[in-house]
Every structure is written in structure tokens, then in C-alpha cells.
Amino acid sequence: MDTKITLSFDDEIISKAKQFAEANNVSLSRLTEFLYRKITHGQYKNLEALPISEWVSMVSEGEMEYQTKAKSRKALKKEYFKSRK
């Protein structure tokens, strides 16, 4: 299930991030979610340890798969519980 949050970023960063997301056919929300997922599932002691270059490579080389079409709540719930098994 998606949860909405409010974040504040520098205007220039948001503009570049939107361009990057659009060029890679992914929403800015999903791009941000992917980064948070990498951070929270890794064993990173500090920001310098984050594999950002790996993440950027995955996005630019098309290894990631995102669905830009909204899913139903039922489908999202099913997907969530399946991922927790």
C-alpha cells in the first residue's frame, strides 16, 4: 500500500531528478522509493557506504522494472504480502 509523505528538496535537484525519472520512464515517487528501499535493506553504516553508482547504473542500463500504471488496492495488498513471505 502506498503512503503519501511530504518532502522538501532544492528546486534544482527536483528539476534534475524529474528529468532523470522521465528519461528512464519511471515516476519520481518510484525512483525515490527505490533509493529508500536500497538504503533500508542494506547494511550501510553511513551515507558514504551507499552504492549510489550501482543504483544509477541499474537505472541507466534498464535492469529495473517499474510499473507506471496505477495498480488496484487489492493488487498492491497482494503484492505486499507476497513480498513478505
PDB file of N, CA and C in Angstrom:
ATOM      1  N   MET A   1       0.844  -1.165   0.000  1.00  0.00           N
ATOM      2  CA  MET A   1       0.000   0.000   0.000  1.00  0.00           C
ATOM      3  C   MET A   1       0.898   1.240   0.000  1.00  0.00           C
ATOM      4  N   ASP A   2       0.588   2.158  -0.865  1.00  0.00           N
ATOM      5  CA  ASP A   2       1.359   3.400  -0.921  1.00  0.00           C
ATOM      6  C   ASP A   2       0.906   4.353   0.165  1.00  0.00           C
ATOM      7  N   THR A   3       1.856   5.078   0.733  1.00  0.00           N
ATOM      8  CA  THR A   3       1.592   6.100   1.730  1.00  0.00           C
ATOM      9  C   THR A   3       2.179   7.401   1.239  1.00  0.00           C
ATOM     10  N   LYS A   4       1.425   8.465   1.343  1.00  0.00           N
ATOM     11  CA  LYS A   4       1.905   9.765   0.889  1.00  0.00           C
ATOM     12  C   LYS A   4       2.710  10.437   1.992  1.00  0.00           C
ATOM     13  N   ILE A   5       3.795  11.105   1.585  1.00  0.00           N
ATOM     14  CA  ILE A   5       4.612  11.882   2.505  1.00  0.00           C
ATOM     15  C   ILE A   5       4.944  13.206   1.836  1.00  0.00           C
ATOM     16  N   THR A   6       5.347  14.158   2.621  1.00  0.00           N
ATOM     17  CA  THR A   6       5.757  15.453   2.093  1.00  0.00           C
ATOM     18  C   THR A   6       7.240  15.635   2.376  1.00  0.00           C
ATOM     19  N   LEU A   7       7.994  15.931   1.330  1.00  0.00           N
ATOM     20  CA  LEU A   7       9.431  16.152   1.456  1.00  0.00           C
ATOM     21  C   LEU A   7       9.779  17.498   0.853  1.00  0.00           C
ATOM     22  N   SER A   8      10.856  18.085   1.296  1.00  0.00           N
ATOM     23  CA  SER A   8      11.331  19.352   0.744  1.00  0.00           C
ATOM     24  C   SER A   8      12.749  19.159   0.218  1.00  0.00           C
ATOM     25  N   PHE A   9      12.964  19.573  -1.041  1.00  0.00           N
ATOM     26  CA  PHE A   9      14.260  19.475  -1.682  1.00  0.00           C
ATOM     27  C   PHE A   9      14.565  20.785  -2.385  1.00  0.00           C
ATOM     28  N   ASP A  10      15.820  20.991  -2.707  1.00  0.00           N
ATOM     29  CA  ASP A  10      16.251  22.127  -3.504  1.00  0.00           C
ATOM     30  C   ASP A  10      15.568  22.044  -4.881  1.00  0.00           C
ATOM     31  N   ASP A  11      15.081  23.174  -5.392  1.00  0.00           N
ATOM     32  CA  ASP A  11      14.373  23.205  -6.676  1.00  0.00           C
ATOM     33  C   ASP A  11      15.193  22.605  -7.816  1.00  0.00           C
ATOM     34  N   GLU A  12      16.484  22.917  -7.837  1.00  0.00           N
ATOM     35  CA  GLU A  12      17.347  22.419  -8.909  1.00  0.00           C
ATOM     36  C   GLU A  12      17.453  20.897  -8.866  1.00  0.00           C
ATOM     37  N   ILE A  13      17.553  20.340  -7.669  1.00  0.00           N
ATOM     38  CA  ILE A  13      17.642  18.882  -7.517  1.00  0.00           C
ATOM     39  C   ILE A  13      16.356  18.228  -8.004  1.00  0.00           C
ATOM     40  N   ILE A  14      15.217  18.789  -7.633  1.00  0.00           N
ATOM     41  CA  ILE A  14      13.932  18.232  -8.064  1.00  0.00           C
ATOM     42  C   ILE A  14      13.812  18.276  -9.579  1.00  0.00           C
ATOM     43  N   SER A  15      14.210  19.373 -10.169  1.00  0.00           N
ATOM     44  CA  SER A  15      14.143  19.501 -11.620  1.00  0.00           C
ATOM     45  C   SER A  15      14.998  18.436 -12.308  1.00  0.00           C
ATOM     46  N   LYS A  16      16.219  18.258 -11.843  1.00  0.00           N
ATOM     47  CA  LYS A  16      17.107  17.243 -12.428  1.00  0.00           C
ATOM     48  C   LYS A  16      16.577  15.836 -12.176  1.00  0.00           C
ATOM     49  N   ALA A  17      16.048  15.598 -10.987  1.00  0.00           N
ATOM     50  CA  ALA A  17      15.507  14.274 -10.663  1.00  0.00           C
ATOM     51  C   ALA A  17      14.301  13.955 -11.539  1.00  0.00           C
ATOM     52  N   LYS A  18      13.446  14.937 -11.789  1.00  0.00           N
ATOM     53  CA  LYS A  18      12.293  14.726 -12.659  1.00  0.00           C
ATOM     54  C   LYS A  18      12.738  14.400 -14.080  1.00  0.00           C
ATOM     55  N   GLN A  19      13.739  15.115 -14.569  1.00  0.00           N
ATOM     56  CA  GLN A  19      14.263  14.847 -15.912  1.00  0.00           C
ATOM     57  C   GLN A  19      14.835  13.435 -15.983  1.00  0.00           C
ATOM     58  N   PHE A  20      15.587  13.049 -14.959  1.00  0.00           N
ATOM     59  CA  PHE A  20      16.174  11.710 -14.910  1.00  0.00           C
ATOM     60  C   PHE A  20      15.081  10.653 -14.888  1.00  0.00           C
ATOM     61  N   ALA A  21      14.083  10.847 -14.052  1.00  0.00           N
ATOM     62  CA  ALA A  21      12.985   9.886 -13.947  1.00  0.00           C
ATOM     63  C   ALA A  21      12.237   9.772 -15.274  1.00  0.00           C
ATOM     64  N   GLU A  22      11.935  10.902 -15.889  1.00  0.00           N
ATOM     65  CA  GLU A  22      11.223  10.893 -17.162  1.00  0.00           C
ATOM     66  C   GLU A  22      12.043  10.192 -18.245  1.00  0.00           C
ATOM     67  N   ALA A  23      13.332  10.459 -18.284  1.00  0.00           N
ATOM     68  CA  ALA A  23      14.198   9.829 -19.278  1.00  0.00           C
ATOM     69  C   ALA A  23      14.259   8.315 -19.105  1.00  0.00           C
ATOM     70  N   ASN A  24      13.997   7.851 -17.890  1.00  0.00           N
ATOM     71  CA  ASN A  24      14.045   6.420 -17.599  1.00  0.00           C
ATOM     72  C   ASN A  24      12.657   5.807 -17.436  1.00  0.00           C
ATOM     73  N   ASN A  25      11.641   6.564 -17.842  1.00  0.00           N
ATOM     74  CA  ASN A  25      10.257   6.087 -17.847  1.00  0.00           C
ATOM     75  C   ASN A  25       9.813   5.564 -16.484  1.00  0.00           C
ATOM     76  N   VAL A  26      10.102   6.332 -15.459  1.00  0.00           N
ATOM     77  CA  VAL A  26       9.712   5.971 -14.100  1.00  0.00           C
ATOM     78  C   VAL A  26       9.245   7.245 -13.396  1.00  0.00           C
ATOM     79  N   SER A  27       8.312   7.109 -12.484  1.00  0.00           N
ATOM     80  CA  SER A  27       7.849   8.287 -11.753  1.00  0.00           C
ATOM     81  C   SER A  27       8.894   8.698 -10.715  1.00  0.00           C
ATOM     82  N   LEU A  28       8.844   9.941 -10.350  1.00  0.00           N
ATOM     83  CA  LEU A  28       9.759  10.441  -9.323  1.00  0.00           C
ATOM     84  C   LEU A  28       9.499   9.727  -7.997  1.00  0.00           C
ATOM     85  N   SER A  29       8.252   9.423  -7.723  1.00  0.00           N
ATOM     86  CA  SER A  29       7.919   8.691  -6.494  1.00  0.00           C
ATOM     87  C   SER A  29       8.566   7.319  -6.471  1.00  0.00           C
ATOM     88  N   ARG A  30       8.480   6.575  -7.580  1.00  0.00           N
ATOM     89  CA  ARG A  30       9.067   5.229  -7.634  1.00  0.00           C
ATOM     90  C   ARG A  30      10.590   5.288  -7.595  1.00  0.00           C
ATOM     91  N   LEU A  31      11.163   6.313  -8.203  1.00  0.00           N
ATOM     92  CA  LEU A  31      12.610   6.484  -8.158  1.00  0.00           C
ATOM     93  C   LEU A  31      13.069   6.718  -6.718  1.00  0.00           C
ATOM     94  N   THR A  32      12.343   7.570  -6.006  1.00  0.00           N
ATOM     95  CA  THR A  32      12.659   7.845  -4.606  1.00  0.00           C
ATOM     96  C   THR A  32      12.445   6.601  -3.761  1.00  0.00           C
ATOM     97  N   GLU A  33      11.355   5.891  -4.019  1.00  0.00           N
ATOM     98  CA  GLU A  33      11.072   4.658  -3.272  1.00  0.00           C
ATOM     99  C   GLU A  33      12.196   3.643  -3.465  1.00  0.00           C
ATOM    100  N   PHE A  34      12.702   3.524  -4.685  1.00  0.00           N
ATOM    101  CA  PHE A  34      13.783   2.585  -4.962  1.00  0.00           C
ATOM    102  C   PHE A  34      15.023   2.929  -4.130  1.00  0.00           C
ATOM    103  N   LEU A  35      15.351   4.204  -4.066  1.00  0.00           N
ATOM    104  CA  LEU A  35      16.514   4.625  -3.278  1.00  0.00           C
ATOM    105  C   LEU A  35      16.308   4.315  -1.799  1.00  0.00           C
ATOM    106  N   TYR A  36      15.138   4.621  -1.286  1.00  0.00           N
ATOM    107  CA  TYR A  36      14.844   4.308   0.122  1.00  0.00           C
ATOM    108  C   TYR A  36      14.900   2.808   0.379  1.00  0.00           C
ATOM    109  N   ARG A  37      14.423   2.028  -0.565  1.00  0.00           N
ATOM    110  CA  ARG A  37      14.461   0.568  -0.421  1.00  0.00           C
ATOM    111  C   ARG A  37      15.909   0.077  -0.335  1.00  0.00           C
ATOM    112  N   LYS A  38      16.766   0.625  -1.183  1.00  0.00           N
ATOM    113  CA  LYS A  38      18.180   0.249  -1.156  1.00  0.00           C
ATOM    114  C   LYS A  38      18.818   0.623   0.188  1.00  0.00           C
ATOM    115  N   ILE A  39      18.480   1.784   0.694  1.00  0.00           N
ATOM    116  CA  ILE A  39      19.052   2.243   1.959  1.00  0.00           C
ATOM    117  C   ILE A  39      18.598   1.359   3.116  1.00  0.00           C
ATOM    118  N   THR A  40      17.322   1.049   3.163  1.00  0.00           N
ATOM    119  CA  THR A  40      16.773   0.333   4.316  1.00  0.00           C
ATOM    120  C   THR A  40      17.015  -1.162   4.284  1.00  0.00           C
ATOM    121  N   HIS A  41      17.354  -1.717   3.136  1.00  0.00           N
ATOM    122  CA  HIS A  41      17.611  -3.152   3.055  1.00  0.00           C
ATOM    123  C   HIS A  41      19.097  -3.496   3.046  1.00  0.00           C
ATOM    124  N   GLY A  42      19.933  -2.501   3.052  1.00  0.00           N
ATOM    125  CA  GLY A  42      21.375  -2.736   3.043  1.00  0.00           C
ATOM    126  C   GLY A  42      21.966  -2.610   4.426  1.00  0.00           C
ATOM    127  N   GLN A  43      23.210  -2.944   4.503  1.00  0.00           N
ATOM    128  CA  GLN A  43      23.933  -2.845   5.771  1.00  0.00           C
ATOM    129  C   GLN A  43      24.893  -1.661   5.694  1.00  0.00           C
ATOM    130  N   TYR A  44      24.341  -0.469   5.619  1.00  0.00           N
ATOM    131  CA  TYR A  44      25.145   0.725   5.425  1.00  0.00           C
ATOM    132  C   TYR A  44      25.331   1.467   6.740  1.00  0.00           C
ATOM    133  N   LYS A  45      26.567   1.734   7.083  1.00  0.00           N
ATOM    134  CA  LYS A  45      26.870   2.413   8.339  1.00  0.00           C
ATOM    135  C   LYS A  45      26.800   3.930   8.214  1.00  0.00           C
ATOM    136  N   ASN A  46      26.968   4.444   6.988  1.00  0.00           N
ATOM    137  CA  ASN A  46      26.904   5.879   6.770  1.00  0.00           C
ATOM    138  C   ASN A  46      26.566   6.155   5.310  1.00  0.00           C
ATOM    139  N   LEU A  47      26.372   7.415   4.960  1.00  0.00           N
ATOM    140  CA  LEU A  47      25.982   7.775   3.598  1.00  0.00           C
ATOM    141  C   LEU A  47      27.043   7.425   2.561  1.00  0.00           C
ATOM    142  N   GLU A  48      28.311   7.492   2.952  1.00  0.00           N
ATOM    143  CA  GLU A  48      29.383   7.195   2.007  1.00  0.00           C
ATOM    144  C   GLU A  48      29.380   5.723   1.582  1.00  0.00           C
ATOM    145  N   ALA A  49      28.790   4.873   2.398  1.00  0.00           N
ATOM    146  CA  ALA A  49      28.763   3.443   2.096  1.00  0.00           C
ATOM    147  C   ALA A  49      27.653   3.060   1.118  1.00  0.00           C
ATOM    148  N   LEU A  50      26.747   3.982   0.811  1.00  0.00           N
ATOM    149  CA  LEU A  50      25.642   3.666  -0.102  1.00  0.00           C
ATOM    150  C   LEU A  50      26.155   3.405  -1.512  1.00  0.00           C
ATOM    151  N   PRO A  51      25.666   2.371  -2.152  1.00  0.00           N
ATOM    152  CA  PRO A  51      26.111   2.039  -3.514  1.00  0.00           C
ATOM    153  C   PRO A  51      25.346   2.845  -4.565  1.00  0.00           C
ATOM    154  N   ILE A  52      25.461   4.153  -4.506  1.00  0.00           N
ATOM    155  CA  ILE A  52      24.719   5.005  -5.428  1.00  0.00           C
ATOM    156  C   ILE A  52      25.117   4.727  -6.873  1.00  0.00           C
ATOM    157  N   SER A  53      26.401   4.516  -7.131  1.00  0.00           N
ATOM    158  CA  SER A  53      26.814   4.266  -8.510  1.00  0.00           C
ATOM    159  C   SER A  53      26.165   2.989  -9.043  1.00  0.00           C
ATOM    160  N   GLU A  54      26.026   1.973  -8.200  1.00  0.00           N
ATOM    161  CA  GLU A  54      25.354   0.734  -8.610  1.00  0.00           C
ATOM    162  C   GLU A  54      23.895   1.030  -8.958  1.00  0.00           C
ATOM    163  N   TRP A  55      23.242   1.831  -8.131  1.00  0.00           N
ATOM    164  CA  TRP A  55      21.851   2.185  -8.339  1.00  0.00           C
ATOM    165  C   TRP A  55      21.671   2.963  -9.639  1.00  0.00           C
ATOM    166  N   VAL A  56      22.509   3.946  -9.878  1.00  0.00           N
ATOM    167  CA  VAL A  56      22.425   4.739 -11.103  1.00  0.00           C
ATOM    168  C   VAL A  56      22.669   3.857 -12.320  1.00  0.00           C
ATOM    169  N   SER A  57      23.617   2.941 -12.224  1.00  0.00           N
ATOM    170  CA  SER A  57      23.885   2.015 -13.328  1.00  0.00           C
ATOM    171  C   SER A  57      22.672   1.143 -13.615  1.00  0.00           C
ATOM    172  N   MET A  58      22.033   0.654 -12.572  1.00  0.00           N
ATOM    173  CA  MET A  58      20.853  -0.189 -12.764  1.00  0.00           C
ATOM    174  C   MET A  58      19.757   0.571 -13.488  1.00  0.00           C
ATOM    175  N   VAL A  59      19.542   1.819 -13.106  1.00  0.00           N
ATOM    176  CA  VAL A  59      18.509   2.624 -13.737  1.00  0.00           C
ATOM    177  C   VAL A  59      18.878   2.909 -15.184  1.00  0.00           C
ATOM    178  N   SER A  60      20.100   3.334 -15.419  1.00  0.00           N
ATOM    179  CA  SER A  60      20.501   3.729 -16.767  1.00  0.00           C
ATOM    180  C   SER A  60      20.611   2.560 -17.731  1.00  0.00           C
ATOM    181  N   GLU A  61      20.879   1.369 -17.226  1.00  0.00           N
ATOM    182  CA  GLU A  61      21.009   0.197 -18.087  1.00  0.00           C
ATOM    183  C   GLU A  61      19.707  -0.580 -18.227  1.00  0.00           C
ATOM    184  N   GLY A  62      18.657  -0.099 -17.599  1.00  0.00           N
ATOM    185  CA  GLY A  62      17.354  -0.722 -17.767  1.00  0.00           C
ATOM    186  C   GLY A  62      17.142  -2.010 -17.004  1.00  0.00           C
ATOM    187  N   GLU A  63      17.914  -2.275 -15.965  1.00  0.00           N
ATOM    188  CA  GLU A  63      17.749  -3.507 -15.202  1.00  0.00           C
ATOM    189  C   GLU A  63      16.565  -3.434 -14.246  1.00  0.00           C
ATOM    190  N   MET A  64      16.063  -2.237 -13.996  1.00  0.00           N
ATOM    191  CA  MET A  64      14.955  -2.080 -13.070  1.00  0.00           C
ATOM    192  C   MET A  64      13.641  -2.186 -13.831  1.00  0.00           C
ATOM    193  N   GLU A  65      12.627  -2.648 -13.161  1.00  0.00           N
ATOM    194  CA  GLU A  65      11.316  -2.729 -13.775  1.00  0.00           C
ATOM    195  C   GLU A  65      10.320  -1.969 -12.906  1.00  0.00           C
ATOM    196  N   TYR A  66       9.692  -0.987 -13.490  1.00  0.00           N
ATOM    197  CA  TYR A  66       8.698  -0.201 -12.780  1.00  0.00           C
ATOM    198  C   TYR A  66       7.403  -0.226 -13.551  1.00  0.00           C
ATOM    199  N   GLN A  67       6.322  -0.213 -12.835  1.00  0.00           N
ATOM    200  CA  GLN A  67       5.011  -0.138 -13.435  1.00  0.00           C
ATOM    201  C   GLN A  67       4.517   1.281 -13.226  1.00  0.00           C
ATOM    202  N   THR A  68       4.298   1.999 -14.323  1.00  0.00           N
ATOM    203  CA  THR A  68       3.856   3.372 -14.191  1.00  0.00           C
ATOM    204  C   THR A  68       2.336   3.475 -14.134  1.00  0.00           C
ATOM    205  N   LYS A  69       1.657   2.407 -14.497  1.00  0.00           N
ATOM    206  CA  LYS A  69       0.202   2.381 -14.420  1.00  0.00           C
ATOM    207  C   LYS A  69      -0.198   2.038 -12.991  1.00  0.00           C
ATOM    208  N   ALA A  70      -1.139   2.797 -12.449  1.00  0.00           N
ATOM    209  CA  ALA A  70      -1.570   2.573 -11.068  1.00  0.00           C
ATOM    210  C   ALA A  70      -2.214   1.196 -10.919  1.00  0.00           C
ATOM    211  N   LYS A  71      -1.878   0.520  -9.827  1.00  0.00           N
ATOM    212  CA  LYS A  71      -2.461  -0.781  -9.526  1.00  0.00           C
ATOM    213  C   LYS A  71      -3.623  -0.598  -8.568  1.00  0.00           C
ATOM    214  N   SER A  72      -4.503  -1.560  -8.565  1.00  0.00           N
ATOM    215  CA  SER A  72      -5.622  -1.515  -7.628  1.00  0.00           C
ATOM    216  C   SER A  72      -5.112  -1.762  -6.214  1.00  0.00           C
ATOM    217  N   ARG A  73      -5.886  -1.350  -5.230  1.00  0.00           N
ATOM    218  CA  ARG A  73      -5.501  -1.572  -3.834  1.00  0.00           C
ATOM    219  C   ARG A  73      -5.362  -3.063  -3.561  1.00  0.00           C
ATOM    220  N   LYS A  74      -6.264  -3.848  -4.150  1.00  0.00           N
ATOM    221  CA  LYS A  74      -6.238  -5.295  -3.948  1.00  0.00           C
ATOM    222  C   LYS A  74      -4.932  -5.885  -4.482  1.00  0.00           C
ATOM    223  N   ALA A  75      -4.523  -5.440  -5.680  1.00  0.00           N
ATOM    224  CA  ALA A  75      -3.282  -5.936  -6.283  1.00  0.00           C
ATOM    225  C   ALA A  75      -2.068  -5.503  -5.469  1.00  0.00           C
ATOM    226  N   LEU A  76      -2.074  -4.275  -4.989  1.00  0.00           N
ATOM    227  CA  LEU A  76      -0.963  -3.781  -4.176  1.00  0.00           C
ATOM    228  C   LEU A  76      -0.848  -4.564  -2.869  1.00  0.00           C
ATOM    229  N   LYS A  77      -1.990  -4.832  -2.244  1.00  0.00           N
ATOM    230  CA  LYS A  77      -2.001  -5.588  -0.993  1.00  0.00           C
ATOM    231  C   LYS A  77      -1.465  -6.997  -1.218  1.00  0.00           C
ATOM    232  N   LYS A  78      -1.913  -7.631  -2.292  1.00  0.00           N
ATOM    233  CA  LYS A  78      -1.456  -8.989  -2.621  1.00  0.00           C
ATOM    234  C   LYS A  78       0.055  -8.996  -2.860  1.00  0.00           C
ATOM    235  N   GLU A  79       0.539  -8.025  -3.617  1.00  0.00           N
ATOM    236  CA  GLU A  79       1.975  -7.917  -3.910  1.00  0.00           C
ATOM    237  C   GLU A  79       2.783  -7.700  -2.632  1.00  0.00           C
ATOM    238  N   TYR A  80       2.278  -6.844  -1.756  1.00  0.00           N
ATOM    239  CA  TYR A  80       2.961  -6.564  -0.498  1.00  0.00           C
ATOM    240  C   TYR A  80       3.096  -7.830   0.352  1.00  0.00           C
ATOM    241  N   PHE A  81       2.003  -8.537   0.552  1.00  0.00           N
ATOM    242  CA  PHE A  81       2.049  -9.732   1.396  1.00  0.00           C
ATOM    243  C   PHE A  81       2.898 -10.844   0.763  1.00  0.00           C
ATOM    244  N   LYS A  82       2.890 -10.921  -0.542  1.00  0.00           N
ATOM    245  CA  LYS A  82       3.724 -11.896  -1.247  1.00  0.00           C
ATOM    246  C   LYS A  82       5.201 -11.593  -1.015  1.00  0.00           C
ATOM    247  N   SER A  83       5.567 -10.305  -0.989  1.00  0.00           N
ATOM    248  CA  SER A  83       6.961  -9.919  -0.805  1.00  0.00           C
ATOM    249  C   SER A  83       7.441 -10.162   0.621  1.00  0.00           C
ATOM    250  N   ARG A  84       6.541 -10.314   1.561  1.00  0.00           N
ATOM    251  CA  ARG A  84       6.894 -10.518   2.964  1.00  0.00           C
ATOM    252  C   ARG A  84       7.053 -11.976   3.337  1.00  0.00           C
ATOM    253  N   LYS A  85       6.774 -12.892   2.423  1.00  0.00           N
ATOM    254  CA  LYS A  85       6.884 -14.326   2.711  1.00  0.00           C
ATOM    255  C   LYS A  85       8.308 -14.778   2.711  1.00  0.00           C
TER     256      LYS A  85
END
